[in-house]
Every structure is written in C-alpha cells, then in structure tokens.
Amino acid sequence: MTTLTHFNQAGEAHMVDVGDKATTQRVAIAEGRIEMEPATLQLILDGSAKKGDVLGVARLAGIMAAKKTADLIPLCHPLALSKVNIDLQPLVAQNAVHCTATVHTSGQTGVEMEALTAVQITLLTIYDMCKAVDKGMTMGGVRLLEKRGGKSGHWLREQ
C-alpha cells in the first residue's frame, strides 16, 4: 500500500506540492444515480415539476460544483477546467436517473475529485428540486469510472 499523500512526515494534513509534476492532459469520469418513486420520475420527464426543468438545473449545478471543488474539499488544488460534461439518463425501468460527469483539464494534478463532486451535487440538486413530492429518494453508486493523465497514467474501473 502506498502512503497517504495528504499527510506530512509528522502526520499533519497538508496540501500536496504538485509544482514539480509535469503538466499533462487530465480526464476523470464518475457516475452515480438517484432512485425515486415512479410518479416523481414522470414529473421530471414531463417537465412539470413546480421548480422547473429538473435535469437542466441539475446539470448546471454539477458543472458549477466541479468548478468549485477546491472550495469544498480542503486539500484540493484549484484547477482551471477546460471541460465539464454532465450526462443525465432517465432509467424508467428502475425509476432512477443516472448521472455521468466527465471533467477535463491540462494541469499538474488530476480531476477525480471534480468529477465525483459534480456527480454528488447533480444528484443532490435533483433531490432538492423534487423533495416536495418524494422525500424517500435514494442516491448511491457514486464512484470513479476512469482517469487519464499524469504519472500514474490510465486507470479504468473493472466492471
């Protein structure tokens, strides 16, 4: 097992110095889903939720979250993101919405946290916009699927 990089030799939390790392193209892809009552999903699909376009607002929230990750996670580096894509797929048979976030940058550290944060906030936004009709929604399965770039290269989750 490798050592945890966010602790110094004295065991204190610190921000990792990435100054000597090469600038490379970085990509991370994460996913998650929110399950709900069939009527809730139908409200979303019909566009008749009282708060408006649930998936459109959630997509914007996910993009904003990726851009603000360093403000939320104490030891994350602020990054200039070159692309954030939030893909939302209704899964009618499972009464769910599946979210995939893909984040790109050219930098000295990866964007895994940005992709994971984007998924979480996208799903939370769906919950927020629909909680008046369905407080029992469940979010889960949030995980990194793939990362590319940097010293460690390409990592792909085994299905």
N, C-alpha and C. Protein backbone atom coordinates (compact mmCIF):
# COMPACT_ATOMS: atom_id res chain seq x y z
N MET A 1 0.85 -1.19 0.00
CA MET A 1 0.00 0.00 0.00
C MET A 1 0.88 1.23 0.00
N THR A 2 0.54 2.20 -0.82
CA THR A 2 1.31 3.44 -0.85
C THR A 2 0.90 4.32 0.33
N THR A 3 1.71 5.31 0.60
CA THR A 3 1.41 6.21 1.72
C THR A 3 0.37 7.24 1.30
N LEU A 4 -0.32 7.76 2.28
CA LEU A 4 -1.30 8.83 2.02
C LEU A 4 -0.55 10.12 1.78
N THR A 5 -0.82 10.78 0.68
CA THR A 5 -0.04 11.95 0.27
C THR A 5 -0.46 13.24 0.97
N HIS A 6 -1.62 13.25 1.60
CA HIS A 6 -2.10 14.48 2.22
C HIS A 6 -1.66 14.63 3.68
N PHE A 7 -0.67 13.85 4.08
CA PHE A 7 -0.09 13.98 5.42
C PHE A 7 1.42 14.11 5.30
N ASN A 8 1.99 15.01 6.09
CA ASN A 8 3.44 15.16 6.07
C ASN A 8 4.07 14.12 6.99
N GLN A 9 5.38 14.18 7.16
CA GLN A 9 6.09 13.18 7.96
C GLN A 9 5.68 13.21 9.42
N ALA A 10 5.16 14.34 9.89
CA ALA A 10 4.70 14.45 11.27
C ALA A 10 3.24 14.01 11.43
N GLY A 11 2.62 13.58 10.31
CA GLY A 11 1.24 13.13 10.37
C GLY A 11 0.22 14.25 10.27
N GLU A 12 0.66 15.45 9.93
CA GLU A 12 -0.24 16.60 9.82
C GLU A 12 -0.78 16.71 8.40
N ALA A 13 -2.04 17.10 8.29
CA ALA A 13 -2.64 17.30 6.97
C ALA A 13 -1.97 18.48 6.28
N HIS A 14 -1.69 18.32 5.00
CA HIS A 14 -1.11 19.41 4.21
C HIS A 14 -1.51 19.26 2.75
N MET A 15 -1.39 20.35 2.02
CA MET A 15 -1.68 20.33 0.59
C MET A 15 -0.45 19.81 -0.13
N VAL A 16 -0.65 18.84 -1.00
CA VAL A 16 0.45 18.23 -1.74
C VAL A 16 1.07 19.25 -2.69
N ASP A 17 2.39 19.28 -2.74
CA ASP A 17 3.10 20.16 -3.67
C ASP A 17 3.16 19.48 -5.03
N VAL A 18 2.46 20.05 -6.01
CA VAL A 18 2.45 19.48 -7.36
C VAL A 18 3.33 20.30 -8.31
N GLY A 19 4.08 21.24 -7.77
CA GLY A 19 4.87 22.16 -8.58
C GLY A 19 5.86 21.50 -9.51
N ASP A 20 6.41 20.37 -9.13
CA ASP A 20 7.40 19.69 -9.97
C ASP A 20 6.79 18.65 -10.91
N LYS A 21 5.49 18.45 -10.82
CA LYS A 21 4.84 17.47 -11.68
C LYS A 21 4.66 18.04 -13.08
N ALA A 22 4.70 17.15 -14.05
CA ALA A 22 4.52 17.57 -15.45
C ALA A 22 3.07 17.97 -15.70
N THR A 23 2.89 18.97 -16.53
CA THR A 23 1.56 19.35 -16.98
C THR A 23 1.14 18.39 -18.08
N THR A 24 0.03 17.70 -17.86
CA THR A 24 -0.48 16.75 -18.85
C THR A 24 -1.99 16.94 -18.98
N GLN A 25 -2.54 16.38 -20.03
CA GLN A 25 -3.99 16.36 -20.21
C GLN A 25 -4.56 15.39 -19.18
N ARG A 26 -5.55 15.83 -18.43
CA ARG A 26 -6.16 15.01 -17.38
C ARG A 26 -7.65 14.89 -17.67
N VAL A 27 -8.18 13.70 -17.46
CA VAL A 27 -9.60 13.43 -17.63
C VAL A 27 -10.04 12.50 -16.51
N ALA A 28 -11.22 12.76 -15.96
CA ALA A 28 -11.82 11.84 -14.99
C ALA A 28 -13.29 11.70 -15.32
N ILE A 29 -13.80 10.48 -15.14
CA ILE A 29 -15.21 10.18 -15.37
C ILE A 29 -15.74 9.50 -14.12
N ALA A 30 -16.86 10.01 -13.62
CA ALA A 30 -17.50 9.44 -12.43
C ALA A 30 -18.98 9.24 -12.73
N GLU A 31 -19.63 8.41 -11.91
CA GLU A 31 -21.05 8.15 -12.10
C GLU A 31 -21.76 8.01 -10.77
N GLY A 32 -23.08 8.08 -10.82
CA GLY A 32 -23.94 7.84 -9.68
C GLY A 32 -25.38 7.86 -10.14
N ARG A 33 -26.30 7.58 -9.23
CA ARG A 33 -27.71 7.57 -9.61
C ARG A 33 -28.59 7.95 -8.45
N ILE A 34 -29.80 8.38 -8.77
CA ILE A 34 -30.80 8.68 -7.78
C ILE A 34 -32.06 7.89 -8.13
N GLU A 35 -32.57 7.16 -7.15
CA GLU A 35 -33.78 6.37 -7.34
C GLU A 35 -34.94 7.09 -6.67
N MET A 36 -36.14 6.93 -7.26
CA MET A 36 -37.29 7.69 -6.79
C MET A 36 -38.57 6.92 -7.08
N GLU A 37 -39.67 7.48 -6.64
CA GLU A 37 -40.98 6.91 -6.95
C GLU A 37 -41.26 7.10 -8.45
N PRO A 38 -42.01 6.18 -9.06
CA PRO A 38 -42.32 6.32 -10.49
C PRO A 38 -42.98 7.66 -10.82
N ALA A 39 -43.85 8.14 -9.97
CA ALA A 39 -44.52 9.42 -10.23
C ALA A 39 -43.54 10.59 -10.23
N THR A 40 -42.53 10.50 -9.41
CA THR A 40 -41.51 11.57 -9.36
C THR A 40 -40.73 11.60 -10.66
N LEU A 41 -40.32 10.44 -11.13
CA LEU A 41 -39.60 10.39 -12.40
C LEU A 41 -40.49 10.90 -13.53
N GLN A 42 -41.76 10.59 -13.49
CA GLN A 42 -42.67 11.06 -14.53
C GLN A 42 -42.79 12.58 -14.51
N LEU A 43 -42.82 13.18 -13.32
CA LEU A 43 -42.83 14.65 -13.22
C LEU A 43 -41.59 15.24 -13.89
N ILE A 44 -40.44 14.62 -13.63
CA ILE A 44 -39.18 15.09 -14.23
C ILE A 44 -39.25 14.97 -15.75
N LEU A 45 -39.70 13.82 -16.23
CA LEU A 45 -39.74 13.57 -17.67
C LEU A 45 -40.75 14.47 -18.38
N ASP A 46 -41.87 14.74 -17.71
CA ASP A 46 -42.90 15.61 -18.29
C ASP A 46 -42.53 17.09 -18.22
N GLY A 47 -41.52 17.43 -17.41
CA GLY A 47 -41.15 18.83 -17.23
C GLY A 47 -42.17 19.59 -16.41
N SER A 48 -42.93 18.87 -15.56
CA SER A 48 -43.99 19.52 -14.81
C SER A 48 -43.68 19.71 -13.33
N ALA A 49 -42.42 19.55 -12.95
CA ALA A 49 -42.06 19.82 -11.55
C ALA A 49 -42.23 21.31 -11.27
N LYS A 50 -42.72 21.64 -10.09
CA LYS A 50 -43.02 23.04 -9.76
C LYS A 50 -41.79 23.95 -9.85
N LYS A 51 -40.61 23.39 -9.58
CA LYS A 51 -39.41 24.21 -9.60
C LYS A 51 -38.80 24.35 -10.99
N GLY A 52 -39.39 23.70 -12.00
CA GLY A 52 -38.89 23.89 -13.35
C GLY A 52 -38.19 22.68 -13.93
N ASP A 53 -37.27 22.93 -14.85
CA ASP A 53 -36.53 21.91 -15.58
C ASP A 53 -35.51 21.24 -14.65
N VAL A 54 -35.92 20.15 -14.03
CA VAL A 54 -35.09 19.49 -13.02
C VAL A 54 -33.74 19.08 -13.58
N LEU A 55 -33.73 18.39 -14.71
CA LEU A 55 -32.47 17.89 -15.25
C LEU A 55 -31.58 19.03 -15.75
N GLY A 56 -32.17 20.06 -16.33
CA GLY A 56 -31.38 21.21 -16.79
C GLY A 56 -30.71 21.94 -15.64
N VAL A 57 -31.46 22.17 -14.57
CA VAL A 57 -30.90 22.85 -13.40
C VAL A 57 -29.84 21.97 -12.74
N ALA A 58 -30.11 20.67 -12.64
CA ALA A 58 -29.15 19.75 -12.02
C ALA A 58 -27.85 19.70 -12.82
N ARG A 59 -27.97 19.72 -14.14
CA ARG A 59 -26.77 19.72 -14.99
C ARG A 59 -25.92 20.96 -14.73
N LEU A 60 -26.55 22.11 -14.64
CA LEU A 60 -25.81 23.35 -14.35
C LEU A 60 -25.17 23.29 -12.96
N ALA A 61 -25.90 22.76 -11.99
CA ALA A 61 -25.35 22.64 -10.63
C ALA A 61 -24.11 21.74 -10.62
N GLY A 62 -24.15 20.66 -11.38
CA GLY A 62 -22.99 19.77 -11.45
C GLY A 62 -21.78 20.45 -12.06
N ILE A 63 -22.01 21.23 -13.11
CA ILE A 63 -20.90 21.96 -13.73
C ILE A 63 -20.32 22.97 -12.74
N MET A 64 -21.19 23.70 -12.07
CA MET A 64 -20.73 24.67 -11.08
C MET A 64 -19.96 23.99 -9.95
N ALA A 65 -20.44 22.83 -9.52
CA ALA A 65 -19.78 22.10 -8.43
C ALA A 65 -18.37 21.67 -8.82
N ALA A 66 -18.21 21.19 -10.05
CA ALA A 66 -16.87 20.79 -10.50
C ALA A 66 -15.92 21.98 -10.42
N LYS A 67 -16.41 23.16 -10.82
CA LYS A 67 -15.58 24.36 -10.82
C LYS A 67 -15.26 24.85 -9.41
N LYS A 68 -16.07 24.47 -8.42
CA LYS A 68 -15.90 24.94 -7.04
C LYS A 68 -15.36 23.86 -6.11
N THR A 69 -14.89 22.76 -6.62
CA THR A 69 -14.45 21.65 -5.78
C THR A 69 -13.39 22.07 -4.76
N ALA A 70 -12.44 22.87 -5.17
CA ALA A 70 -11.37 23.29 -4.25
C ALA A 70 -11.92 24.13 -3.09
N ASP A 71 -13.09 24.74 -3.27
CA ASP A 71 -13.70 25.50 -2.18
C ASP A 71 -14.41 24.57 -1.19
N LEU A 72 -14.68 23.35 -1.59
CA LEU A 72 -15.45 22.42 -0.77
C LEU A 72 -14.57 21.35 -0.10
N ILE A 73 -13.55 20.90 -0.79
CA ILE A 73 -12.66 19.85 -0.29
C ILE A 73 -11.36 20.52 0.12
N PRO A 74 -11.04 20.53 1.42
CA PRO A 74 -9.97 21.38 1.94
C PRO A 74 -8.61 21.26 1.27
N LEU A 75 -8.19 20.08 0.84
CA LEU A 75 -6.83 19.94 0.32
C LEU A 75 -6.77 19.80 -1.19
N CYS A 76 -7.87 20.06 -1.88
CA CYS A 76 -7.88 20.05 -3.35
C CYS A 76 -7.25 21.32 -3.89
N HIS A 77 -6.54 21.16 -4.99
CA HIS A 77 -5.96 22.32 -5.68
C HIS A 77 -7.02 22.99 -6.54
N PRO A 78 -7.04 24.32 -6.59
CA PRO A 78 -7.92 24.99 -7.54
C PRO A 78 -7.41 24.73 -8.96
N LEU A 79 -8.30 24.31 -9.84
CA LEU A 79 -7.89 23.94 -11.19
C LEU A 79 -8.66 24.73 -12.23
N ALA A 80 -7.98 25.01 -13.33
CA ALA A 80 -8.65 25.62 -14.48
C ALA A 80 -9.18 24.47 -15.33
N LEU A 81 -10.48 24.25 -15.27
CA LEU A 81 -11.08 23.15 -16.01
C LEU A 81 -11.34 23.57 -17.45
N SER A 82 -11.04 22.68 -18.38
CA SER A 82 -11.27 23.00 -19.79
C SER A 82 -12.60 22.47 -20.28
N LYS A 83 -13.17 21.47 -19.58
CA LYS A 83 -14.47 20.94 -19.98
C LYS A 83 -15.09 20.20 -18.81
N VAL A 84 -16.40 20.40 -18.65
CA VAL A 84 -17.20 19.61 -17.71
C VAL A 84 -18.46 19.20 -18.46
N ASN A 85 -18.70 17.92 -18.54
CA ASN A 85 -19.91 17.42 -19.19
C ASN A 85 -20.69 16.59 -18.19
N ILE A 86 -21.97 16.90 -18.04
CA ILE A 86 -22.87 16.15 -17.17
C ILE A 86 -23.91 15.49 -18.07
N ASP A 87 -23.91 14.16 -18.07
CA ASP A 87 -24.88 13.41 -18.85
C ASP A 87 -25.89 12.79 -17.90
N LEU A 88 -27.17 13.08 -18.11
CA LEU A 88 -28.24 12.56 -17.27
C LEU A 88 -29.14 11.66 -18.11
N GLN A 89 -29.26 10.41 -17.67
CA GLN A 89 -30.07 9.43 -18.39
C GLN A 89 -31.18 8.91 -17.49
N PRO A 90 -32.44 9.20 -17.81
CA PRO A 90 -33.53 8.60 -17.05
C PRO A 90 -33.56 7.08 -17.29
N LEU A 91 -33.72 6.34 -16.22
CA LEU A 91 -33.83 4.89 -16.28
C LEU A 91 -35.24 4.53 -15.84
N VAL A 92 -36.16 4.52 -16.78
CA VAL A 92 -37.58 4.36 -16.46
C VAL A 92 -37.84 3.03 -15.76
N ALA A 93 -37.26 1.96 -16.22
CA ALA A 93 -37.50 0.64 -15.63
C ALA A 93 -37.03 0.56 -14.17
N GLN A 94 -36.05 1.40 -13.80
CA GLN A 94 -35.53 1.39 -12.43
C GLN A 94 -36.00 2.59 -11.61
N ASN A 95 -36.85 3.45 -12.19
CA ASN A 95 -37.31 4.66 -11.51
C ASN A 95 -36.12 5.45 -10.97
N ALA A 96 -35.20 5.74 -11.86
CA ALA A 96 -33.95 6.39 -11.46
C ALA A 96 -33.46 7.32 -12.56
N VAL A 97 -32.52 8.16 -12.17
CA VAL A 97 -31.76 8.97 -13.13
C VAL A 97 -30.29 8.67 -12.89
N HIS A 98 -29.61 8.31 -13.96
CA HIS A 98 -28.18 8.01 -13.91
C HIS A 98 -27.40 9.24 -14.35
N CYS A 99 -26.36 9.58 -13.60
CA CYS A 99 -25.52 10.74 -13.89
C CYS A 99 -24.10 10.29 -14.18
N THR A 100 -23.55 10.80 -15.28
CA THR A 100 -22.13 10.61 -15.58
C THR A 100 -21.51 11.99 -15.74
N ALA A 101 -20.43 12.24 -15.02
CA ALA A 101 -19.70 13.50 -15.13
C ALA A 101 -18.32 13.23 -15.72
N THR A 102 -17.97 14.00 -16.74
CA THR A 102 -16.65 13.91 -17.36
C THR A 102 -15.99 15.28 -17.24
N VAL A 103 -14.78 15.29 -16.68
CA VAL A 103 -14.08 16.55 -16.43
C VAL A 103 -12.69 16.49 -17.07
N HIS A 104 -12.31 17.59 -17.74
CA HIS A 104 -11.01 17.70 -18.42
C HIS A 104 -10.25 18.91 -17.89
N THR A 105 -8.94 18.76 -17.86
CA THR A 105 -8.05 19.90 -17.62
C THR A 105 -6.69 19.57 -18.21
N SER A 106 -5.87 20.58 -18.32
CA SER A 106 -4.45 20.40 -18.62
C SER A 106 -3.74 20.95 -17.39
N GLY A 107 -3.13 20.07 -16.62
CA GLY A 107 -2.55 20.54 -15.38
C GLY A 107 -1.60 19.55 -14.74
N GLN A 108 -1.28 19.85 -13.48
CA GLN A 108 -0.29 19.07 -12.73
C GLN A 108 -0.92 18.12 -11.72
N THR A 109 -2.24 18.11 -11.66
CA THR A 109 -2.93 17.17 -10.78
C THR A 109 -4.26 16.79 -11.43
N GLY A 110 -4.78 15.65 -11.02
CA GLY A 110 -5.96 15.09 -11.66
C GLY A 110 -7.26 15.76 -11.28
N VAL A 111 -8.33 15.33 -11.95
CA VAL A 111 -9.65 15.93 -11.76
C VAL A 111 -10.67 14.90 -11.24
N GLU A 112 -10.19 13.88 -10.55
CA GLU A 112 -11.10 12.88 -10.00
C GLU A 112 -12.08 13.50 -9.01
N MET A 113 -11.58 14.35 -8.13
CA MET A 113 -12.45 14.96 -7.12
C MET A 113 -13.50 15.86 -7.77
N GLU A 114 -13.12 16.53 -8.84
CA GLU A 114 -14.06 17.40 -9.55
C GLU A 114 -15.19 16.58 -10.17
N ALA A 115 -14.84 15.44 -10.77
CA ALA A 115 -15.86 14.59 -11.38
C ALA A 115 -16.79 14.00 -10.31
N LEU A 116 -16.23 13.54 -9.22
CA LEU A 116 -17.05 12.97 -8.14
C LEU A 116 -17.94 14.02 -7.48
N THR A 117 -17.40 15.20 -7.28
CA THR A 117 -18.19 16.30 -6.70
C THR A 117 -19.33 16.69 -7.65
N ALA A 118 -19.04 16.75 -8.93
CA ALA A 118 -20.07 17.09 -9.91
C ALA A 118 -21.23 16.09 -9.85
N VAL A 119 -20.93 14.81 -9.75
CA VAL A 119 -21.99 13.80 -9.67
C VAL A 119 -22.82 14.00 -8.41
N GLN A 120 -22.14 14.14 -7.27
CA GLN A 120 -22.86 14.28 -6.00
C GLN A 120 -23.80 15.48 -6.01
N ILE A 121 -23.31 16.62 -6.47
CA ILE A 121 -24.12 17.84 -6.45
C ILE A 121 -25.24 17.77 -7.49
N THR A 122 -24.99 17.15 -8.62
CA THR A 122 -26.06 16.95 -9.60
C THR A 122 -27.20 16.15 -8.98
N LEU A 123 -26.86 15.05 -8.32
CA LEU A 123 -27.88 14.21 -7.69
C LEU A 123 -28.58 14.93 -6.55
N LEU A 124 -27.83 15.67 -5.75
CA LEU A 124 -28.43 16.44 -4.66
C LEU A 124 -29.39 17.50 -5.19
N THR A 125 -29.08 18.07 -6.32
CA THR A 125 -29.96 19.07 -6.92
C THR A 125 -31.27 18.45 -7.38
N ILE A 126 -31.18 17.27 -7.97
CA ILE A 126 -32.41 16.55 -8.33
C ILE A 126 -33.24 16.30 -7.08
N TYR A 127 -32.57 15.86 -6.02
CA TYR A 127 -33.28 15.63 -4.75
C TYR A 127 -33.94 16.92 -4.27
N ASP A 128 -33.20 18.00 -4.25
CA ASP A 128 -33.72 19.28 -3.77
C ASP A 128 -34.93 19.73 -4.57
N MET A 129 -34.88 19.58 -5.86
CA MET A 129 -35.96 20.06 -6.71
C MET A 129 -37.22 19.18 -6.62
N CYS A 130 -37.06 17.94 -6.16
CA CYS A 130 -38.19 17.01 -6.13
C CYS A 130 -38.61 16.57 -4.72
N LYS A 131 -37.93 17.05 -3.70
CA LYS A 131 -38.20 16.58 -2.35
C LYS A 131 -39.62 16.89 -1.86
N ALA A 132 -40.26 17.89 -2.42
CA ALA A 132 -41.62 18.23 -2.01
C ALA A 132 -42.60 17.08 -2.31
N VAL A 133 -42.30 16.30 -3.34
CA VAL A 133 -43.18 15.19 -3.70
C VAL A 133 -42.62 13.82 -3.35
N ASP A 134 -41.31 13.74 -3.03
CA ASP A 134 -40.68 12.43 -2.78
C ASP A 134 -39.46 12.58 -1.88
N LYS A 135 -39.69 12.53 -0.58
CA LYS A 135 -38.57 12.65 0.37
C LYS A 135 -37.77 11.35 0.48
N GLY A 136 -38.28 10.26 -0.08
CA GLY A 136 -37.62 8.96 0.04
C GLY A 136 -36.63 8.64 -1.06
N MET A 137 -36.30 9.61 -1.90
CA MET A 137 -35.33 9.35 -2.96
C MET A 137 -34.01 8.89 -2.35
N THR A 138 -33.30 8.03 -3.07
CA THR A 138 -32.04 7.47 -2.59
C THR A 138 -30.95 7.70 -3.62
N MET A 139 -29.85 8.27 -3.17
CA MET A 139 -28.69 8.48 -4.03
C MET A 139 -27.66 7.40 -3.71
N GLY A 140 -26.97 6.92 -4.74
CA GLY A 140 -25.95 5.91 -4.48
C GLY A 140 -25.12 5.60 -5.70
N GLY A 141 -24.22 4.65 -5.50
CA GLY A 141 -23.37 4.19 -6.60
C GLY A 141 -22.40 5.22 -7.11
N VAL A 142 -22.10 6.24 -6.30
CA VAL A 142 -21.17 7.27 -6.76
C VAL A 142 -19.76 6.69 -6.73
N ARG A 143 -19.10 6.72 -7.89
CA ARG A 143 -17.77 6.12 -7.98
C ARG A 143 -17.03 6.63 -9.20
N LEU A 144 -15.73 6.55 -9.11
CA LEU A 144 -14.87 6.91 -10.24
C LEU A 144 -14.87 5.75 -11.23
N LEU A 145 -15.06 6.06 -12.51
CA LEU A 145 -15.03 5.03 -13.55
C LEU A 145 -13.70 4.98 -14.28
N GLU A 146 -13.11 6.17 -14.47
CA GLU A 146 -11.89 6.23 -15.27
C GLU A 146 -11.14 7.51 -14.96
N LYS A 147 -9.80 7.44 -15.05
CA LYS A 147 -8.97 8.64 -15.00
C LYS A 147 -7.82 8.44 -15.97
N ARG A 148 -7.46 9.55 -16.64
CA ARG A 148 -6.36 9.52 -17.59
C ARG A 148 -5.44 10.70 -17.32
N GLY A 149 -4.15 10.47 -17.58
CA GLY A 149 -3.17 11.54 -17.46
C GLY A 149 -2.34 11.43 -16.21
N GLY A 150 -1.25 12.16 -16.21
CA GLY A 150 -0.37 12.19 -15.04
C GLY A 150 0.57 11.00 -14.98
N LYS A 151 1.34 10.98 -13.91
CA LYS A 151 2.36 9.95 -13.72
C LYS A 151 1.77 8.55 -13.65
N SER A 152 0.60 8.43 -13.01
CA SER A 152 0.01 7.10 -12.86
C SER A 152 -0.71 6.62 -14.11
N GLY A 153 -0.85 7.50 -15.11
CA GLY A 153 -1.39 7.09 -16.40
C GLY A 153 -2.89 6.84 -16.41
N HIS A 154 -3.27 5.78 -17.08
CA HIS A 154 -4.67 5.46 -17.31
C HIS A 154 -5.15 4.43 -16.30
N TRP A 155 -6.29 4.74 -15.68
CA TRP A 155 -6.94 3.79 -14.75
C TRP A 155 -8.37 3.63 -15.20
N LEU A 156 -8.83 2.39 -15.30
CA LEU A 156 -10.19 2.10 -15.71
C LEU A 156 -10.80 1.10 -14.73
N ARG A 157 -11.95 1.43 -14.20
CA ARG A 157 -12.63 0.53 -13.25
C ARG A 157 -13.00 -0.75 -13.97
N GLU A 158 -12.70 -1.85 -13.33
CA GLU A 158 -13.14 -3.14 -13.86
C GLU A 158 -14.61 -3.31 -13.57
N GLN A 159 -15.37 -3.65 -14.57
CA GLN A 159 -16.82 -3.80 -14.37
C GLN A 159 -17.04 -5.15 -13.80
